C-alpha cells in the first residue's frame, strides 16, 4: 500500500521552498502527499531556528504527533534548520521524534524512514551533499515559482544562526537556474522568486558563474512576466543590480533590504558592515534610479545593550525611509551566535513596548503611502482568493491588492485602486 506523508513548515521562504523540494523527493520515492497530520503515515516537520518563537511553535506541535502515535503507527522526522542545529539532542528531548534530518540531502529521507520502519533505528543525518541537490519540486503555487540561487551565508551577523544551520554561501550554476526558470515559464508560471540568504553575493564563491546582476538579466530575458528576489544585504547591493532592475521591465520595482537597526553602535555590534547614513544613501540612490521603488525591510528590537535612545534612532530611520512594510521581531538569543554570549539585558516588557511602537509607526506610514495610490491604475498578478471568495494579488512593487470584479488566478490585469489599508490596496478590475 502506498504510504502517505504530511509536511509542515515554519520559517522563511527558503524553508517553504525546501519543503517543496522535500515533497518532490518524497513523491519521487512513491509517497502520496496529504494535507493533514491525521491522514499521514509519515510526518515531516521542517523547522526554523531564526527566532525562538518558531522553535516554540514546532515543539508545541510535537504533542499532536504524540496523540496520533497513541492511536496508530506514525513516523516523525524533524529537520530543516531546527534539525541541523539540534541534531541528536532532539532524540533525547522527545521520544516522539523517530529521526532527524538537516537542511540538505532531502533525497536521502526515504532511506532514513526505512531505517526507522524496518530496522527500528532512530537515525540522525544532518550531513547532506555540499553541492545544491537538484530535486523536482512540488510547488505550492500555480502562479509564482520559488527558485534557489544560493544556499547558506558567510556574513556571520552576530545575532544570526543561519551560517551555522545552512553552512557557508554556495552559488548554484547559472545554467541550471535559467533552465529551471525556463521550465517554469513553459509550465505557465507568471512569476519567479529568486531565493538566497544574500542574493547579492551570488557568484563570489564561484567567479566563473558571474555576478548577480548578470544572472538577474538572464532570468529577466527568459520570457517570464515577473522576477522578484530576496534577500538583499545592504553591504553587497551594487549599482549593477539597481541598473538591471531599472532597465528590465520584468524585474519588479521592489527591494527588500534588511536594515535591522537605525543605530550605528548597534549595527556595528551586529556586524552588519554599514552605517545608518550608508544605508540611507543606498535607499535614496535606488529611489533616484527607480522613482516609486517600494523598499521593505527587517528590524530587530531589544538587541543586547540597545538603549532607549538607540531604539529612537530606529524609529527616526523608519520615519525617514518610509518603508512599504517592515518585518519586525524582538531579539532572541540563538545558539552558536556571538550575540548569545552577551547578556540579554533588555527586558521582555521593554522589547514588547518597542515592537509595538515600531509596528504602530510602520502601519501609519504604510497607510499614508498606500493612500497615494487611490485613483491610480496598477497592474496586479492574481494569486488567489480570500475566504470570502474575493481575489487578491500583488502589484509589481509587491503591494498586496484586494481585487473586486471578474478575475482568474494567474491573470495579470489592470486594477483601479479605490481604497487603502495599511496592509493592502483595494480596487476593481478596469471595465469589471
Protein backbone atom coordinates (compact mmCIF):
# COMPACT_ATOMS: atom_id res chain seq x y z
CA UNK A 1 0.00 0.00 0.00
CA UNK A 2 1.27 3.49 -0.88
CA UNK A 3 2.46 5.41 2.16
CA UNK A 4 1.25 8.93 2.86
CA UNK A 5 3.42 11.84 4.02
CA UNK A 6 2.45 15.14 5.61
CA UNK A 7 4.92 18.05 5.65
CA UNK A 8 4.64 21.05 7.98
CA UNK A 9 6.89 24.09 7.61
CA UNK A 10 8.00 27.02 9.76
CA UNK A 11 10.18 29.96 8.82
CA UNK A 12 11.36 31.83 5.77
CA UNK A 13 10.63 31.45 2.07
CA UNK A 14 13.78 29.37 1.72
CA UNK A 15 12.28 26.88 4.16
CA UNK A 16 8.99 26.93 2.29
CA UNK A 17 10.78 26.19 -0.96
CA UNK A 18 12.86 23.45 0.61
CA UNK A 19 9.62 21.84 1.73
CA UNK A 20 8.52 21.95 -1.91
CA UNK A 21 11.73 20.13 -2.79
CA UNK A 22 11.19 17.74 0.10
CA UNK A 23 7.71 17.00 -1.24
CA UNK A 24 9.23 16.32 -4.65
CA UNK A 25 11.75 13.87 -3.20
CA UNK A 26 9.02 12.05 -1.28
CA UNK A 27 6.74 11.85 -4.31
CA UNK A 28 9.64 10.52 -6.41
CA UNK A 29 10.09 7.80 -3.76
CA UNK A 30 6.45 6.74 -4.20
CA UNK A 31 4.79 8.58 -1.32
CA UNK A 32 1.41 10.28 -1.59
CA UNK A 33 1.29 13.84 -0.24
CA UNK A 34 -1.55 14.60 2.19
CA UNK A 35 -2.58 17.87 3.79
CA UNK A 36 -3.42 16.61 7.26
CA UNK A 37 -1.35 15.05 10.02
CA UNK A 38 -4.09 12.61 10.96
CA UNK A 39 -4.09 11.11 7.45
CA UNK A 40 -0.32 10.54 7.29
CA UNK A 41 1.90 7.51 7.85
CA UNK A 42 4.97 9.77 7.91
CA UNK A 43 5.10 13.31 9.34
CA UNK A 44 7.96 15.67 8.48
CA UNK A 45 8.47 18.88 10.44
CA UNK A 46 10.73 21.32 8.55
CA UNK A 47 11.68 23.70 11.32
CA UNK A 48 13.22 27.15 11.71
CA UNK A 49 15.87 28.48 14.10
CA UNK A 50 15.89 32.19 13.28
CA UNK A 51 13.55 33.12 16.14
CA UNK A 52 12.82 31.48 19.48
CA UNK A 53 9.12 31.73 18.71
CA UNK A 54 9.46 29.46 15.66
CA UNK A 55 11.21 26.85 17.81
CA UNK A 56 8.45 27.01 20.38
CA UNK A 57 5.78 26.54 17.74
CA UNK A 58 7.41 23.37 16.44
CA UNK A 59 7.90 21.94 19.92
CA UNK A 60 4.27 22.70 20.66
CA UNK A 61 3.23 20.62 17.65
CA UNK A 62 5.01 17.52 18.94
CA UNK A 63 2.07 16.91 21.24
CA UNK A 64 -0.25 16.40 18.29
CA UNK A 65 2.06 13.70 16.94
CA UNK A 66 2.27 12.05 20.35
CA UNK A 67 -1.54 11.84 20.45
CA UNK A 68 -1.60 10.37 16.93
CA UNK A 69 1.06 7.80 17.85
CA UNK A 70 -1.15 6.57 20.69
CA UNK A 71 -3.79 5.59 18.15
CA UNK A 72 -1.69 4.17 15.33
CA UNK A 73 1.77 3.82 13.82
CA UNK A 74 3.20 7.15 12.68
CA UNK A 75 6.84 8.01 11.90
CA UNK A 76 8.00 11.54 12.75
CA UNK A 77 11.05 13.19 11.23
CA UNK A 78 12.18 16.63 12.44
CA UNK A 79 14.59 18.66 10.37
CA UNK A 80 15.47 21.78 8.45
CA UNK A 81 17.48 24.40 10.33
CA UNK A 82 15.96 23.10 13.56
CA UNK A 83 17.28 19.60 12.97
CA UNK A 84 20.62 20.83 11.61
CA UNK A 85 21.44 22.79 14.76
CA UNK A 86 19.99 20.48 17.43
CA UNK A 87 20.87 17.14 15.79
CA UNK A 88 20.80 14.06 18.03
CA UNK A 89 19.72 16.13 21.05
CA UNK A 90 16.20 16.06 19.61
CA UNK A 91 16.04 12.28 20.10
CA UNK A 92 16.64 12.66 23.84
CA UNK A 93 14.44 15.73 24.06
CA UNK A 94 11.36 13.92 22.74
CA UNK A 95 10.61 10.23 22.37
CA UNK A 96 8.13 11.16 19.63
CA UNK A 97 10.97 12.03 17.22
CA UNK A 98 11.97 8.98 15.15
CA UNK A 99 14.68 10.57 13.02
CA UNK A 100 16.42 13.90 12.41
CA UNK A 101 17.38 15.46 9.09
CA UNK A 102 19.09 18.70 8.16
CA UNK A 103 18.93 21.42 5.55
CA UNK A 104 20.41 19.39 2.69
CA UNK A 105 20.18 15.94 1.11
CA UNK A 106 16.42 15.56 1.12
CA UNK A 107 16.51 12.70 -1.38
CA UNK A 108 18.03 10.57 1.42
CA UNK A 109 14.99 10.94 3.70
CA UNK A 110 13.08 7.91 2.34
CA UNK A 111 16.10 5.77 3.33
CA UNK A 112 16.00 7.25 6.84
CA UNK A 113 12.33 6.31 7.06
CA UNK A 114 13.16 2.75 6.02
CA UNK A 115 15.76 2.55 8.77
CA UNK A 116 13.09 3.51 11.30
CA UNK A 117 10.41 1.26 9.83
CA UNK A 118 12.46 -1.83 9.06
CA UNK A 119 15.37 -1.76 11.50
CA UNK A 120 13.89 0.09 14.46
CA UNK A 121 16.66 2.70 14.35
CA UNK A 122 16.44 6.39 15.27
CA UNK A 123 18.87 7.80 12.70
CA UNK A 124 20.33 11.30 12.54
CA UNK A 125 21.62 12.60 9.20
CA UNK A 126 22.49 16.30 9.07
CA UNK A 127 25.38 16.00 6.63
CA UNK A 128 23.97 16.19 3.11
CA UNK A 129 25.82 17.00 -0.13
CA UNK A 130 27.97 20.10 -0.45
CA UNK A 131 26.51 20.97 -3.84
CA UNK A 132 22.90 22.01 -4.40
CA UNK A 133 20.76 18.91 -4.81
CA UNK A 134 18.66 19.07 -7.97
CA UNK A 135 15.20 17.83 -6.95
CA UNK A 136 11.96 18.35 -8.85
CA UNK A 137 9.77 20.50 -6.58
CA UNK A 138 6.09 20.07 -5.86
CA UNK A 139 5.20 23.75 -5.95
CA UNK A 140 2.64 25.20 -3.60
CA UNK A 141 1.62 27.91 -6.06
CA UNK A 142 0.48 27.70 -9.66
CA UNK A 143 1.41 31.35 -10.23
CA UNK A 144 4.78 32.08 -8.60
CA UNK A 145 7.74 29.68 -8.63
CA UNK A 146 10.43 29.90 -5.95
CA UNK A 147 13.90 29.11 -7.30
CA UNK A 148 17.07 28.79 -5.23
CA UNK A 149 20.17 30.62 -6.50
CA UNK A 150 22.36 30.38 -3.37
CA UNK A 151 22.36 28.34 -0.19
CA UNK A 152 23.92 29.27 3.11
CA UNK A 153 25.51 32.53 4.22
CA UNK A 154 29.04 33.69 5.01
CA UNK A 155 28.25 37.04 6.63
CA UNK A 156 28.08 35.89 10.27
CA UNK A 157 25.91 38.68 11.63
CA UNK A 158 26.34 38.36 15.38
CA UNK A 159 22.68 37.50 16.10
CA UNK A 160 22.08 35.09 13.20
CA UNK A 161 22.19 31.30 13.30
CA UNK A 162 21.84 30.82 9.53
CA UNK A 163 25.57 30.32 8.75
CA UNK A 164 25.65 27.54 11.36
CA UNK A 165 22.39 25.98 10.20
CA UNK A 166 22.94 26.23 6.44
CA UNK A 167 26.70 26.49 6.10
CA UNK A 168 28.76 28.95 4.04
CA UNK A 169 27.28 30.66 0.98
CA UNK A 170 27.24 28.37 -2.07
CA UNK A 171 26.12 29.51 -5.52
CA UNK A 172 24.13 27.33 -7.87
CA UNK A 173 25.29 27.08 -11.52
CA UNK A 174 23.59 29.78 -13.63
CA UNK A 175 22.69 27.36 -16.42
CA UNK A 176 20.65 25.24 -14.00
CA UNK A 177 18.92 28.31 -12.58
CA UNK A 178 17.99 29.63 -16.03
CA UNK A 179 16.84 26.17 -17.12
CA UNK A 180 14.54 25.96 -14.08
CA UNK A 181 13.13 29.40 -14.86
CA UNK A 182 12.52 28.38 -18.48
CA UNK A 183 10.75 25.25 -17.27
CA UNK A 184 8.55 27.39 -15.03
CA UNK A 185 7.71 29.64 -17.99
CA UNK A 186 6.79 26.59 -20.02
CA UNK A 187 4.60 25.39 -17.17
CA UNK A 188 2.55 28.57 -17.18
CA UNK A 189 4.10 30.35 -14.22
CA UNK A 190 3.87 34.14 -14.41
CA UNK A 191 6.48 34.97 -11.78
CA UNK A 192 9.71 33.61 -10.32
CA UNK A 193 11.15 34.46 -6.91
CA UNK A 194 14.94 34.04 -6.77
CA UNK A 195 15.97 32.89 -3.31
CA UNK A 196 19.12 33.15 -1.25
CA UNK A 197 20.14 34.27 2.22
CA UNK A 198 22.06 37.01 0.42
CA UNK A 199 21.38 37.02 -3.32
CA UNK A 200 23.79 39.92 -3.88
CA UNK A 201 26.72 37.62 -3.04
CA UNK A 202 25.86 35.26 -5.88
CA UNK A 203 28.98 34.06 -7.71
CA UNK A 204 31.54 35.30 -5.19
CA UNK A 205 32.40 31.72 -4.27
CA UNK A 206 32.48 30.73 -7.96
CA UNK A 207 33.72 33.67 -10.09
CA UNK A 208 33.09 31.69 -13.29
CA UNK A 209 29.35 31.89 -12.55
CA UNK A 210 29.35 35.68 -12.97
CA UNK A 211 27.65 38.17 -10.67
CA UNK A 212 24.06 38.52 -9.50
CA UNK A 213 23.31 41.39 -11.89
CA UNK A 214 24.24 39.17 -14.84
CA UNK A 215 22.06 36.33 -13.60
CA UNK A 216 19.16 38.69 -12.94
CA UNK A 217 19.32 40.00 -16.50
CA UNK A 218 19.42 36.46 -17.94
CA UNK A 219 16.38 35.44 -15.90
CA UNK A 220 14.50 38.60 -16.92
CA UNK A 221 15.01 37.65 -20.57
CA UNK A 222 13.56 34.13 -20.36
CA UNK A 223 10.03 35.31 -21.16
CA UNK A 224 8.84 35.29 -17.54
CA UNK A 225 6.38 38.08 -16.74
CA UNK A 226 7.79 39.00 -13.35
CA UNK A 227 11.05 38.46 -11.48
CA UNK A 228 11.48 39.02 -7.76
CA UNK A 229 14.40 38.26 -5.47
CA UNK A 230 15.10 38.06 -1.75
CA UNK A 231 17.00 38.73 0.41
CA UNK A 232 19.43 41.58 -0.24
CA UNK A 233 22.19 42.59 2.17
CA UNK A 234 22.90 46.36 2.08
CA UNK A 235 26.65 45.80 2.24
CA UNK A 236 26.61 43.81 -1.01
CA UNK A 237 23.98 45.58 -3.12
CA UNK A 238 25.65 47.09 -6.19
CA UNK A 239 24.71 49.72 -8.73
CA UNK A 240 24.77 46.96 -11.38
CA UNK A 241 21.80 45.27 -9.73
CA UNK A 242 19.89 48.55 -9.50
CA UNK A 243 20.61 49.21 -13.18
CA UNK A 244 19.14 45.84 -14.19
CA UNK A 245 16.09 46.49 -12.02
CA UNK A 246 15.60 49.87 -13.67
CA UNK A 247 16.04 48.70 -17.27
CA UNK A 248 14.47 45.23 -17.37
CA UNK A 249 10.65 45.50 -17.40
CA UNK A 250 10.18 42.00 -15.96
CA UNK A 251 12.11 42.82 -12.76
CA UNK A 252 9.71 44.10 -10.11
CA UNK A 253 10.18 47.52 -8.56
CA UNK A 254 10.51 46.10 -5.09
CA UNK A 255 13.65 45.87 -2.98
CA UNK A 256 13.69 44.01 0.33
CA UNK A 257 16.75 45.47 2.04
CA UNK A 258 17.14 44.34 5.63
CA UNK A 259 18.39 47.14 7.87
CA UNK A 260 17.94 45.65 11.41
CA UNK A 261 18.63 48.88 13.35
CA UNK A 262 18.87 52.63 12.98
CA UNK A 263 21.74 52.93 15.47
CA UNK A 264 25.35 52.91 14.26
CA UNK A 265 26.57 51.34 17.50
CA UNK A 266 24.01 48.53 17.32
CA UNK A 267 24.71 47.95 13.62
CA UNK A 268 28.41 47.59 14.43
CA UNK A 269 27.66 45.20 17.28
CA UNK A 270 25.50 43.18 14.88
CA UNK A 271 28.41 43.00 12.39
CA UNK A 272 26.23 44.40 9.62
CA UNK A 273 29.07 46.20 7.83
CA UNK A 274 27.39 49.55 7.13
CA UNK A 275 26.26 52.67 8.96
CA UNK A 276 22.87 54.32 9.17
CA UNK A 277 23.99 57.00 6.74
CA UNK A 278 25.31 54.45 4.24
CA UNK A 279 22.02 52.60 4.37
CA UNK A 280 20.09 55.82 3.77
CA UNK A 281 22.31 56.76 0.83
CA UNK A 282 21.77 53.32 -0.68
CA UNK A 283 17.97 53.55 -0.45
CA UNK A 284 17.89 57.15 -1.68
CA UNK A 285 20.14 56.23 -4.61
CA UNK A 286 17.93 53.30 -5.53
CA UNK A 287 14.85 55.53 -5.47
CA UNK A 288 16.57 58.07 -7.70
CA UNK A 289 17.21 55.34 -10.26
CA UNK A 290 13.69 53.95 -9.82
CA UNK A 291 11.14 56.55 -8.70
CA UNK A 292 8.32 54.82 -6.86
CA UNK A 293 10.50 51.89 -5.78
CA UNK A 294 8.92 50.06 -2.85
CA UNK A 295 11.57 49.33 -0.22
CA UNK A 296 10.74 46.90 2.58
CA UNK A 297 13.00 45.89 5.44
CA UNK A 298 13.68 43.80 8.56
CA UNK A 299 14.19 45.27 12.02
CA UNK A 300 15.19 43.78 15.36
CA UNK A 301 14.27 45.46 18.65
CA UNK A 302 15.88 44.80 22.01
CA UNK A 303 19.30 43.66 20.78
CA UNK A 304 21.66 43.24 23.78
CA UNK A 305 22.70 46.65 25.03
CA UNK A 306 20.19 48.59 22.90
CA UNK A 307 19.32 51.74 24.81
CA UNK A 308 16.10 53.71 24.63
CA UNK A 309 17.91 56.39 22.62
CA UNK A 310 19.22 53.80 20.16
CA UNK A 311 15.71 52.46 19.65
CA UNK A 312 14.61 56.03 18.92
CA UNK A 313 17.28 56.03 16.19
CA UNK A 314 15.48 53.07 14.63
CA UNK A 315 12.13 54.86 14.83
CA UNK A 316 13.55 58.00 13.24
CA UNK A 317 15.08 55.99 10.40
CA UNK A 318 11.70 54.37 9.74
CA UNK A 319 10.13 57.82 9.56
CA UNK A 320 12.77 58.99 7.08
CA UNK A 321 12.80 55.90 4.84
CA UNK A 322 9.02 55.35 4.76
CA UNK A 323 9.23 51.62 4.13
CA UNK A 324 6.36 49.87 2.40
CA UNK A 325 6.38 47.24 5.14
CA UNK A 326 8.63 46.02 7.94
CA UNK A 327 9.25 42.51 9.19
CA UNK A 328 9.97 43.28 12.83
CA UNK A 329 10.94 40.95 15.65
CA UNK A 330 12.05 41.02 19.25
CA UNK A 331 15.63 39.86 19.71
CA UNK A 332 16.01 36.32 21.00
CA UNK A 333 19.39 34.66 21.66
CA UNK A 334 20.26 31.99 19.07
CA UNK A 335 22.61 29.10 19.82
CA UNK A 336 26.17 29.27 18.45
CA UNK A 337 25.96 33.01 17.74
CA UNK A 338 28.24 35.66 19.24
CA UNK A 339 25.32 37.73 20.50
CA UNK A 340 24.13 34.79 22.58
CA UNK A 341 27.28 35.18 24.68
CA UNK A 342 26.15 38.64 25.72
CA UNK A 343 23.67 39.32 28.49
CA UNK A 344 20.15 39.63 27.10
CA UNK A 345 19.65 42.80 29.13
CA UNK A 346 16.62 44.44 27.50
CA UNK A 347 13.60 43.27 29.47
CA UNK A 348 10.76 41.33 27.86
CA UNK A 349 8.41 44.19 28.68
CA UNK A 350 10.68 46.75 27.04
CA UNK A 351 11.09 44.59 23.93
CA UNK A 352 7.33 44.26 23.67
CA UNK A 353 6.83 48.01 24.03
CA UNK A 354 9.48 48.78 21.41
CA UNK A 355 7.99 46.27 18.98
CA UNK A 356 4.52 47.77 19.47
CA UNK A 357 5.79 51.31 18.85
CA UNK A 358 7.74 50.22 15.76
CA UNK A 359 4.75 48.40 14.28
CA UNK A 360 2.45 51.32 15.07
CA UNK A 361 4.77 53.62 13.12
CA UNK A 362 5.05 51.12 10.27
CA UNK A 363 1.26 50.75 9.96
CA UNK A 364 0.73 54.52 9.97
CA UNK A 365 3.37 55.10 7.30
CA UNK A 366 2.17 52.16 5.18
CA UNK A 367 -1.39 53.53 5.27
CA UNK A 368 -0.18 57.00 4.26
CA UNK A 369 1.87 55.56 1.40
CA UNK A 370 -0.92 53.26 0.22
CA UNK A 371 -3.45 56.10 0.13
CA UNK A 372 -1.33 57.78 -2.54
CA UNK A 373 -2.44 55.05 -4.95
CA UNK A 374 -6.16 55.79 -4.67
CA UNK A 375 -7.47 56.71 -8.11
CA UNK A 376 -4.48 55.15 -9.89
CA UNK A 377 -4.35 52.01 -12.04
CA UNK A 378 -1.93 49.26 -11.03
CA UNK A 379 -1.09 46.00 -12.77
CA UNK A 380 -1.90 43.09 -10.48
CA UNK A 381 -0.91 39.42 -10.69
CA UNK A 382 -3.86 37.49 -9.25
CA UNK A 383 -2.56 34.94 -6.73
CA UNK A 384 -5.65 33.53 -5.03
CA UNK A 385 -8.95 34.10 -3.24
CA UNK A 386 -9.82 35.15 0.29
CA UNK A 387 -12.14 33.03 2.43
CA UNK A 388 -14.94 35.33 1.26
CA UNK A 389 -14.22 34.47 -2.36
CA UNK A 390 -12.63 37.81 -3.26
CA UNK A 391 -9.50 37.68 -5.42
CA UNK A 392 -6.20 39.11 -4.28
CA UNK A 393 -2.77 39.55 -5.81
CA UNK A 394 0.26 41.78 -5.89
CA UNK A 395 1.15 44.89 -7.78
CA UNK A 396 4.55 44.89 -9.43
CA UNK A 397 6.01 46.76 -6.44
CA UNK A 398 4.90 43.90 -4.13
CA UNK A 399 1.94 45.67 -2.54
CA UNK A 400 -0.99 43.38 -1.81
CA UNK A 401 -4.16 44.28 -3.72
CA UNK A 402 -7.68 43.02 -2.97
CA UNK A 403 -9.45 42.83 -6.34
CA UNK A 404 -13.19 43.06 -6.99
CA UNK A 405 -14.56 42.04 -10.38
CA UNK A 406 -14.05 39.23 -12.86
CA UNK A 407 -10.61 37.68 -12.45
CA UNK A 408 -8.86 34.34 -12.53
CA UNK A 409 -5.82 33.13 -10.62
CA UNK A 410 -2.79 33.73 -12.83
CA UNK A 411 -4.24 36.76 -14.62
CA UNK A 412 -2.21 39.95 -14.87
CA UNK A 413 -4.72 42.77 -15.05
CA UNK A 414 -5.22 46.48 -14.62
CA UNK A 415 -6.94 47.39 -11.36
CA UNK A 416 -8.22 50.84 -10.38
CA UNK A 417 -7.36 51.47 -6.72
CA UNK A 418 -10.44 52.66 -4.82
CA UNK A 419 -9.33 52.28 -1.22
CA UNK A 420 -6.38 51.54 1.01
CA UNK A 421 -5.50 49.98 4.33
CA UNK A 422 -2.10 49.61 5.96
CA UNK A 423 -1.75 46.04 4.71
CA UNK A 424 -3.31 46.28 1.25
CA UNK A 425 -4.81 48.29 -1.57
CA UNK A 426 -8.41 47.68 -2.59
CA UNK A 427 -9.57 48.06 -6.16
CA UNK A 428 -11.75 46.91 -9.03
CA UNK A 429 -10.87 45.39 -12.37
CA UNK A 430 -10.83 48.07 -15.05
CA UNK A 431 -14.03 47.64 -17.01
CA UNK A 432 -15.15 44.99 -14.49
